[in-house]
N, C-alpha and C. Protein backbone atom coordinates (compact mmCIF):
# COMPACT_ATOMS: atom_id res chain seq x y z
N ASN A 1 11.66 4.70 -9.37
CA ASN A 1 11.55 4.92 -10.64
C ASN A 1 10.01 4.80 -11.31
N THR A 2 9.53 5.94 -11.80
CA THR A 2 8.09 6.07 -12.01
C THR A 2 7.57 4.78 -12.97
N LEU A 3 8.47 4.59 -14.01
CA LEU A 3 8.14 3.71 -15.15
C LEU A 3 8.09 2.23 -14.56
N ARG A 4 9.04 1.97 -13.61
CA ARG A 4 8.91 0.72 -12.96
C ARG A 4 7.80 0.44 -12.07
N GLU A 5 7.35 1.55 -11.56
CA GLU A 5 6.27 1.64 -10.53
C GLU A 5 4.87 1.33 -11.64
N MET A 6 4.84 1.92 -12.63
CA MET A 6 3.76 1.79 -13.53
C MET A 6 3.60 0.55 -14.00
N HIS A 7 4.77 -0.01 -14.47
CA HIS A 7 4.85 -1.52 -14.96
C HIS A 7 4.35 -2.40 -13.73
N LEU A 8 4.54 -2.35 -12.45
CA LEU A 8 4.03 -3.09 -11.41
C LEU A 8 2.59 -2.82 -11.30
N LEU A 9 2.21 -1.62 -11.48
CA LEU A 9 0.68 -1.32 -11.14
C LEU A 9 -0.08 -2.14 -12.45
N GLY A 10 0.51 -2.26 -13.59
CA GLY A 10 -0.05 -2.83 -14.70
C GLY A 10 -0.35 -4.37 -14.49
N GLN A 11 0.46 -4.78 -13.56
CA GLN A 11 0.32 -6.55 -13.24
C GLN A 11 -0.77 -6.49 -12.32
N LEU A 12 -1.17 -5.61 -11.48
CA LEU A 12 -2.08 -5.56 -10.43
C LEU A 12 -3.45 -5.42 -10.54
N LYS A 13 -4.34 -6.15 -10.48
CA LYS A 13 -5.73 -6.09 -10.72
C LYS A 13 -6.50 -6.38 -9.29
N HIS A 14 -7.06 -5.31 -8.52
CA HIS A 14 -7.72 -5.93 -7.34
C HIS A 14 -8.35 -4.78 -6.99
N GLN A 15 -9.61 -4.78 -6.17
CA GLN A 15 -10.43 -3.77 -5.86
C GLN A 15 -9.95 -2.94 -4.88
N HIS A 16 -9.09 -3.40 -4.03
CA HIS A 16 -8.31 -2.50 -3.18
C HIS A 16 -6.86 -2.27 -3.33
N VAL A 17 -6.30 -2.26 -4.71
CA VAL A 17 -5.24 -1.51 -4.99
C VAL A 17 -5.34 -0.68 -6.09
N VAL A 18 -4.85 0.43 -6.03
CA VAL A 18 -4.94 1.54 -7.16
C VAL A 18 -4.59 0.91 -8.45
N GLN A 19 -5.09 1.40 -9.58
CA GLN A 19 -4.96 1.08 -10.83
C GLN A 19 -4.05 2.28 -11.41
N GLY A 20 -3.23 1.98 -12.23
CA GLY A 20 -2.38 2.91 -12.98
C GLY A 20 -2.98 3.00 -14.31
N VAL A 21 -3.28 4.17 -14.72
CA VAL A 21 -3.99 4.48 -15.94
C VAL A 21 -3.14 5.14 -16.89
N GLY A 22 -2.02 5.71 -16.57
CA GLY A 22 -1.15 6.59 -17.55
C GLY A 22 0.11 7.27 -16.72
N MET A 23 0.61 7.98 -17.50
CA MET A 23 1.89 8.72 -16.90
C MET A 23 1.91 10.05 -17.46
N LEU A 24 2.25 11.08 -16.58
CA LEU A 24 2.15 12.45 -17.28
C LEU A 24 3.65 13.13 -17.18
N LEU A 25 4.38 13.57 -18.09
CA LEU A 25 5.59 13.94 -18.08
C LEU A 25 5.40 15.68 -18.10
N GLU A 26 5.80 16.46 -17.13
CA GLU A 26 5.72 17.73 -17.19
C GLU A 26 6.96 18.19 -16.60
N GLN A 27 7.83 19.27 -17.43
CA GLN A 27 8.87 19.92 -16.94
C GLN A 27 9.97 19.02 -16.13
N ARG A 28 10.09 17.70 -16.89
CA ARG A 28 11.06 16.89 -16.61
C ARG A 28 10.85 16.02 -15.32
N GLU A 29 9.61 16.15 -14.92
CA GLU A 29 8.85 15.25 -13.78
C GLU A 29 7.82 14.28 -14.23
N CYS A 30 7.93 13.18 -13.87
CA CYS A 30 7.10 12.23 -14.44
C CYS A 30 6.16 11.84 -13.15
N SER A 31 4.81 11.57 -13.53
CA SER A 31 3.79 11.48 -12.59
C SER A 31 2.93 10.33 -13.02
N LEU A 32 2.52 9.64 -11.98
CA LEU A 32 1.64 8.51 -12.22
C LEU A 32 0.08 8.99 -12.12
N LEU A 33 -0.70 8.59 -13.17
CA LEU A 33 -2.09 8.94 -13.31
C LEU A 33 -2.93 7.35 -12.64
N MET A 34 -3.42 7.72 -11.49
CA MET A 34 -4.28 6.42 -11.03
C MET A 34 -5.80 6.67 -10.63
N THR A 35 -6.34 5.52 -10.68
CA THR A 35 -7.95 5.43 -10.62
C THR A 35 -8.17 4.68 -9.37
N PRO A 36 -9.09 4.63 -8.62
CA PRO A 36 -10.03 5.83 -8.42
C PRO A 36 -9.25 7.15 -7.91
N VAL A 37 -9.99 8.15 -8.09
CA VAL A 37 -9.37 9.43 -7.38
C VAL A 37 -9.81 9.23 -5.82
N ALA A 38 -8.70 9.49 -5.22
CA ALA A 38 -8.93 9.39 -3.65
C ALA A 38 -9.21 10.77 -3.25
N GLU A 39 -10.00 10.66 -2.13
CA GLU A 39 -10.33 11.79 -1.07
C GLU A 39 -9.33 12.30 -0.35
N CYS A 40 -8.44 11.04 0.40
CA CYS A 40 -7.51 11.55 1.32
C CYS A 40 -6.61 10.20 1.65
N THR A 41 -5.73 10.24 2.37
CA THR A 41 -5.07 8.98 2.77
C THR A 41 -5.79 8.38 4.10
N LEU A 42 -5.39 7.15 4.42
CA LEU A 42 -6.06 6.80 5.74
C LEU A 42 -5.33 7.53 6.89
N HIS A 43 -4.01 8.01 6.62
CA HIS A 43 -3.32 8.73 7.75
C HIS A 43 -4.12 10.14 7.95
N ASP A 44 -4.55 10.78 6.86
CA ASP A 44 -5.25 11.81 6.91
C ASP A 44 -6.63 11.76 7.48
N TYR A 45 -7.28 10.84 7.28
CA TYR A 45 -8.53 10.63 7.66
C TYR A 45 -8.55 10.28 9.15
N LEU A 46 -7.65 9.39 9.73
CA LEU A 46 -7.65 8.90 11.09
C LEU A 46 -7.06 10.27 11.95
N ARG A 47 -6.24 10.96 11.37
CA ARG A 47 -5.84 12.24 12.31
C ARG A 47 -6.83 13.04 12.43
N ALA A 48 -7.81 13.39 11.53
CA ALA A 48 -8.92 14.21 11.44
C ALA A 48 -10.16 13.59 12.50
N ARG A 49 -9.85 12.37 12.58
CA ARG A 49 -11.19 11.89 13.35
C ARG A 49 -10.48 11.41 14.69
N THR A 50 -9.47 11.77 15.29
CA THR A 50 -8.94 11.48 16.73
C THR A 50 -10.05 11.54 17.71
N ALA A 51 -10.71 12.85 17.62
CA ALA A 51 -11.82 13.24 18.71
C ALA A 51 -12.70 12.25 18.80
N VAL A 52 -13.48 11.84 17.48
CA VAL A 52 -14.62 10.85 17.55
C VAL A 52 -14.13 9.43 17.29
N GLY A 53 -13.02 8.89 16.92
CA GLY A 53 -12.67 7.83 16.55
C GLY A 53 -13.45 7.25 15.38
N VAL A 54 -12.97 5.96 15.11
CA VAL A 54 -13.68 5.03 13.92
C VAL A 54 -14.16 3.70 14.69
N GLN A 55 -15.50 3.30 14.43
CA GLN A 55 -15.89 2.12 14.84
C GLN A 55 -15.08 0.92 14.72
N ALA A 56 -14.80 -0.08 15.81
CA ALA A 56 -14.24 -1.20 15.56
C ALA A 56 -14.44 -1.82 14.40
N VAL A 57 -15.84 -2.10 14.42
CA VAL A 57 -16.51 -2.92 13.17
C VAL A 57 -15.98 -2.56 11.73
N THR A 58 -15.96 -1.08 11.71
CA THR A 58 -15.27 -0.57 10.47
C THR A 58 -13.85 -0.65 10.12
N LEU A 59 -13.07 -0.49 11.52
CA LEU A 59 -11.75 -1.00 11.28
C LEU A 59 -11.42 -2.45 10.89
N LYS A 60 -12.19 -3.51 11.27
CA LYS A 60 -12.01 -4.70 11.22
C LYS A 60 -12.35 -4.97 9.48
N ARG A 61 -13.37 -4.27 9.27
CA ARG A 61 -13.83 -4.60 7.71
C ARG A 61 -12.66 -3.85 6.79
N TRP A 62 -12.25 -2.88 7.15
CA TRP A 62 -10.92 -2.06 6.43
C TRP A 62 -9.74 -3.04 6.41
N LEU A 63 -9.40 -3.77 7.80
CA LEU A 63 -8.27 -4.62 7.60
C LEU A 63 -8.47 -5.89 6.72
N GLY A 64 -9.64 -6.29 6.77
CA GLY A 64 -9.86 -7.52 5.80
C GLY A 64 -9.92 -7.03 4.36
N CYS A 65 -10.33 -6.06 3.79
CA CYS A 65 -10.03 -5.26 2.60
C CYS A 65 -8.59 -5.13 2.02
N LEU A 66 -7.81 -4.52 3.11
CA LEU A 66 -6.35 -4.43 2.97
C LEU A 66 -5.76 -5.79 2.68
N ALA A 67 -6.05 -6.64 3.61
CA ALA A 67 -5.53 -7.99 3.61
C ALA A 67 -5.58 -8.70 2.24
N SER A 68 -6.93 -8.46 1.99
CA SER A 68 -7.35 -9.10 0.65
C SER A 68 -6.54 -8.50 -0.72
N GLY A 69 -6.23 -7.15 -0.46
CA GLY A 69 -5.45 -6.61 -1.43
C GLY A 69 -4.12 -6.89 -1.44
N LEU A 70 -3.56 -7.07 -0.29
CA LEU A 70 -2.04 -7.37 0.05
C LEU A 70 -1.85 -8.81 -0.36
N ASP A 71 -2.79 -9.66 -0.12
CA ASP A 71 -2.83 -11.08 -0.62
C ASP A 71 -2.65 -11.30 -2.18
N SER A 72 -3.45 -10.43 -2.68
CA SER A 72 -3.33 -10.25 -4.25
C SER A 72 -2.08 -9.74 -4.73
N ILE A 73 -1.58 -8.84 -4.19
CA ILE A 73 -0.22 -8.30 -4.48
C ILE A 73 0.70 -9.48 -4.31
N HIS A 74 0.74 -10.10 -3.16
CA HIS A 74 1.87 -11.15 -3.11
C HIS A 74 1.55 -12.27 -4.02
N ARG A 75 0.48 -12.66 -4.38
CA ARG A 75 0.22 -13.83 -5.37
C ARG A 75 0.79 -13.44 -6.76
N GLN A 76 1.19 -12.15 -6.97
CA GLN A 76 1.69 -11.81 -8.17
C GLN A 76 3.33 -11.67 -7.78
N HIS A 77 3.78 -11.96 -6.78
CA HIS A 77 5.15 -12.22 -6.38
C HIS A 77 5.67 -10.67 -6.29
N ILE A 78 4.86 -9.73 -5.96
CA ILE A 78 5.18 -8.42 -5.71
C ILE A 78 5.09 -8.11 -4.14
N PHE A 79 6.04 -7.49 -3.75
CA PHE A 79 6.20 -7.08 -2.24
C PHE A 79 6.33 -5.61 -2.09
N HIS A 80 5.37 -5.07 -1.37
CA HIS A 80 5.18 -3.54 -1.23
C HIS A 80 6.50 -2.90 -0.49
N PHE A 81 6.46 -3.48 0.71
CA PHE A 81 7.60 -2.80 1.46
C PHE A 81 7.66 -1.56 2.19
N ASP A 82 6.24 -0.92 1.82
CA ASP A 82 6.09 0.44 2.77
C ASP A 82 4.52 0.51 2.76
N ILE A 83 4.07 -0.38 3.45
CA ILE A 83 2.53 -0.44 3.88
C ILE A 83 2.38 0.53 5.06
N LYS A 84 1.71 1.74 5.12
CA LYS A 84 1.78 2.42 6.02
C LYS A 84 0.29 3.33 5.78
N PRO A 85 -0.29 4.05 6.96
CA PRO A 85 -1.44 4.99 6.66
C PRO A 85 -1.22 5.81 5.39
N ALA A 86 -0.01 6.28 5.34
CA ALA A 86 0.06 7.46 4.15
C ALA A 86 0.13 6.80 2.74
N ASN A 87 0.27 5.47 2.80
CA ASN A 87 0.22 4.69 1.61
C ASN A 87 -1.12 4.10 1.25
N ILE A 88 -1.99 4.32 2.09
CA ILE A 88 -3.44 3.74 1.85
C ILE A 88 -4.40 5.05 1.46
N LEU A 89 -4.82 4.78 0.38
CA LEU A 89 -5.91 5.85 -0.10
C LEU A 89 -7.22 5.58 0.27
N MET A 90 -8.00 6.64 0.50
CA MET A 90 -9.61 6.44 0.86
C MET A 90 -10.20 7.39 -0.25
N TYR A 91 -11.29 6.66 -0.67
CA TYR A 91 -12.24 7.17 -1.57
C TYR A 91 -13.63 6.86 -1.14
N LEU A 92 -14.63 7.49 -1.69
CA LEU A 92 -16.02 7.30 -1.55
C LEU A 92 -16.52 6.61 -2.55
N ASP A 93 -17.30 5.49 -2.37
CA ASP A 93 -17.93 4.82 -3.66
C ASP A 93 -19.37 5.56 -3.98
N ARG A 94 -19.89 5.04 -4.93
CA ARG A 94 -21.03 5.74 -5.30
C ARG A 94 -22.21 5.60 -4.28
N ASN A 95 -22.05 4.83 -3.21
CA ASN A 95 -22.94 4.93 -2.07
C ASN A 95 -22.56 5.88 -0.91
N ARG A 96 -21.52 6.40 -1.15
CA ARG A 96 -20.62 7.29 -0.29
C ARG A 96 -20.12 6.50 0.81
N VAL A 97 -19.74 5.28 0.69
CA VAL A 97 -19.19 4.33 1.75
C VAL A 97 -17.68 4.69 1.48
N PRO A 98 -17.06 4.77 2.51
CA PRO A 98 -15.40 4.72 2.39
C PRO A 98 -14.88 3.51 1.84
N ARG A 99 -13.95 3.66 0.84
CA ARG A 99 -13.29 2.26 0.49
C ARG A 99 -11.71 2.54 0.48
N LEU A 100 -10.72 1.79 0.80
CA LEU A 100 -9.50 1.66 1.04
C LEU A 100 -8.64 1.06 -0.07
N LEU A 101 -7.58 1.81 -0.74
CA LEU A 101 -6.79 1.32 -1.70
C LEU A 101 -5.26 1.46 -1.15
N ILE A 102 -4.58 0.30 -1.55
CA ILE A 102 -3.07 0.37 -1.38
C ILE A 102 -2.29 0.78 -2.55
N SER A 103 -1.77 1.92 -2.09
CA SER A 103 -0.93 2.64 -3.12
C SER A 103 0.74 2.87 -2.93
N ASP A 104 1.27 3.49 -3.71
CA ASP A 104 2.54 3.93 -3.61
C ASP A 104 3.40 2.73 -3.52
N PHE A 105 3.79 2.37 -4.82
CA PHE A 105 4.70 1.05 -4.97
C PHE A 105 6.04 1.27 -5.42
N GLY A 106 6.49 2.56 -5.02
CA GLY A 106 7.80 2.99 -5.11
C GLY A 106 9.00 2.30 -4.49
N ALA A 107 8.76 1.56 -3.46
CA ALA A 107 9.64 0.78 -2.50
C ALA A 107 9.46 -0.74 -2.94
N SER A 108 8.33 -1.02 -3.92
CA SER A 108 8.18 -2.71 -3.95
C SER A 108 9.18 -3.12 -4.80
N VAL A 109 9.03 -4.61 -4.62
CA VAL A 109 10.02 -5.38 -5.27
C VAL A 109 9.32 -6.44 -6.14
N SER A 110 9.40 -6.80 -7.10
CA SER A 110 8.95 -7.80 -7.84
C SER A 110 9.94 -9.00 -8.04
N SER A 111 9.63 -10.18 -7.64
CA SER A 111 10.58 -11.43 -7.56
C SER A 111 9.78 -12.69 -7.98
N PRO A 112 10.28 -13.36 -8.44
CA PRO A 112 9.86 -14.77 -8.85
C PRO A 112 10.01 -15.67 -7.54
N ASN A 113 10.86 -15.40 -6.74
CA ASN A 113 10.88 -15.85 -5.51
C ASN A 113 9.83 -15.29 -4.48
N SER A 114 9.07 -16.45 -3.94
CA SER A 114 8.06 -15.97 -2.88
C SER A 114 8.42 -15.30 -1.59
N LYS A 115 9.86 -15.59 -1.42
CA LYS A 115 10.23 -14.96 -0.12
C LYS A 115 11.72 -14.30 -0.54
N PRO A 116 11.69 -13.05 -1.09
CA PRO A 116 12.89 -12.43 -1.42
C PRO A 116 13.33 -11.79 -0.16
N ALA A 117 14.76 -11.85 -0.04
CA ALA A 117 15.48 -11.35 1.24
C ALA A 117 16.40 -10.18 0.64
N ILE A 118 15.93 -8.91 1.14
CA ILE A 118 16.86 -7.97 0.42
C ILE A 118 17.37 -7.21 1.62
N SER A 119 18.36 -6.53 1.59
CA SER A 119 19.03 -6.01 2.90
C SER A 119 18.19 -4.62 3.18
N ARG A 120 17.97 -3.79 2.28
CA ARG A 120 17.33 -2.56 2.55
C ARG A 120 16.69 -2.15 1.39
N PRO A 121 15.11 -2.23 1.26
CA PRO A 121 14.40 -1.74 0.30
C PRO A 121 14.42 -0.17 0.18
N ARG A 122 14.27 0.70 -0.92
CA ARG A 122 14.21 1.94 -1.07
C ARG A 122 13.06 2.25 -0.60
N GLY A 123 13.11 3.57 0.35
CA GLY A 123 11.88 4.25 0.71
C GLY A 123 10.97 3.58 1.67
N HIS A 124 11.41 2.58 2.37
CA HIS A 124 10.63 1.95 3.35
C HIS A 124 10.47 3.05 4.53
N THR A 125 9.57 2.55 5.42
CA THR A 125 9.38 3.64 6.56
C THR A 125 9.62 2.58 7.89
N PRO A 126 10.71 2.90 8.81
CA PRO A 126 11.21 2.17 9.63
C PRO A 126 10.19 2.03 10.88
N LEU A 127 9.20 3.00 11.01
CA LEU A 127 8.13 2.68 12.16
C LEU A 127 7.27 1.48 11.99
N TYR A 128 7.05 1.13 10.49
CA TYR A 128 6.16 0.19 10.20
C TYR A 128 6.97 -1.23 9.89
N ALA A 129 8.13 -1.31 10.13
CA ALA A 129 9.15 -2.39 9.74
C ALA A 129 8.91 -3.18 11.07
N ALA A 130 9.12 -4.68 10.53
CA ALA A 130 9.34 -5.82 11.55
C ALA A 130 10.71 -5.56 12.19
N PRO A 131 10.54 -5.75 13.39
CA PRO A 131 12.02 -5.56 14.14
C PRO A 131 13.18 -6.49 13.53
N GLU A 132 12.63 -7.51 13.16
CA GLU A 132 13.77 -8.35 12.65
C GLU A 132 14.51 -8.03 11.30
N SER A 133 13.67 -7.17 10.75
CA SER A 133 14.30 -6.74 9.32
C SER A 133 15.71 -6.07 9.49
N THR A 134 15.94 -5.67 10.62
CA THR A 134 17.13 -4.81 10.87
C THR A 134 18.52 -6.04 10.80
N THR A 135 17.95 -7.02 11.29
CA THR A 135 19.32 -8.12 11.23
C THR A 135 19.18 -9.20 10.19
N HIS A 136 17.75 -9.47 9.90
CA HIS A 136 17.54 -10.45 8.83
C HIS A 136 17.27 -10.18 7.46
N GLY A 137 17.14 -8.95 7.14
CA GLY A 137 16.74 -8.38 6.05
C GLY A 137 15.32 -8.27 5.78
N PHE A 138 14.75 -7.91 4.80
CA PHE A 138 13.19 -7.87 4.48
C PHE A 138 12.97 -9.15 3.82
N GLN A 139 12.03 -9.66 4.57
CA GLN A 139 11.60 -11.08 4.12
C GLN A 139 10.16 -11.15 3.43
N GLY A 140 9.97 -10.43 2.31
CA GLY A 140 8.93 -10.71 1.52
C GLY A 140 7.66 -10.29 2.18
N ALA A 141 6.68 -11.22 1.90
CA ALA A 141 5.22 -11.01 2.62
C ALA A 141 5.26 -10.76 4.08
N ALA A 142 5.83 -11.48 4.93
CA ALA A 142 5.79 -11.30 6.17
C ALA A 142 6.38 -10.00 6.43
N PHE A 143 7.24 -9.37 5.87
CA PHE A 143 7.51 -7.78 6.11
C PHE A 143 6.17 -7.12 5.92
N ASP A 144 5.51 -7.10 4.75
CA ASP A 144 4.22 -6.51 4.63
C ASP A 144 3.15 -6.93 5.69
N ILE A 145 3.06 -8.16 5.96
CA ILE A 145 1.90 -8.50 6.92
C ILE A 145 2.05 -7.64 8.31
N PHE A 146 3.54 -7.77 8.59
CA PHE A 146 3.89 -7.16 9.90
C PHE A 146 3.37 -5.55 9.90
N SER A 147 3.59 -5.01 8.50
CA SER A 147 3.38 -3.47 8.52
C SER A 147 1.77 -3.47 8.47
N LEU A 148 1.05 -4.32 7.95
CA LEU A 148 -0.35 -3.89 7.94
C LEU A 148 -0.82 -4.15 9.26
N GLY A 149 -0.17 -4.93 10.35
CA GLY A 149 -0.58 -5.11 11.64
C GLY A 149 -0.54 -3.86 12.33
N CYS A 150 0.84 -3.02 11.97
CA CYS A 150 1.04 -1.87 12.81
C CYS A 150 -0.15 -0.77 12.26
N VAL A 151 -0.57 -0.84 10.98
CA VAL A 151 -1.61 -0.22 10.52
C VAL A 151 -2.69 -0.23 11.43
N TYR A 152 -3.26 -1.26 11.56
CA TYR A 152 -4.35 -1.70 12.43
C TYR A 152 -4.37 -1.24 13.82
N PHE A 153 -3.18 -1.27 14.45
CA PHE A 153 -3.14 -1.04 15.73
C PHE A 153 -2.69 0.27 16.14
């Protein structure tokens, strides 16, 4: 639900998390307006650079940025449940340095419990899911951290 996602984004303020700035209703379809404007997703960027690759030092820096953003999300008791390269946006800052942003909170859950266990979140991507999630449900922050590890490797 777009309204629920906008509400979640309103709670999150971090340099590596997209910011919701409004909603657009057009022909019965509601879309989120977010900032900053991204150049592409991490998935698209990596796919385009398969021949030349990305330096290890850059990947480590990006992992730290995303881990910091994810920690901020979890401190607000929000659990993303769909961390993957297609949900990480890339934009160029004013110095033309690539920056990453966690986006797409459509599968997210907000819970006062720091370890919500739910049987099956909406819209998660099985390729990035922790193996135990099929038997023990989705265990909050641990699920997101496993998914971030999959993105890195």
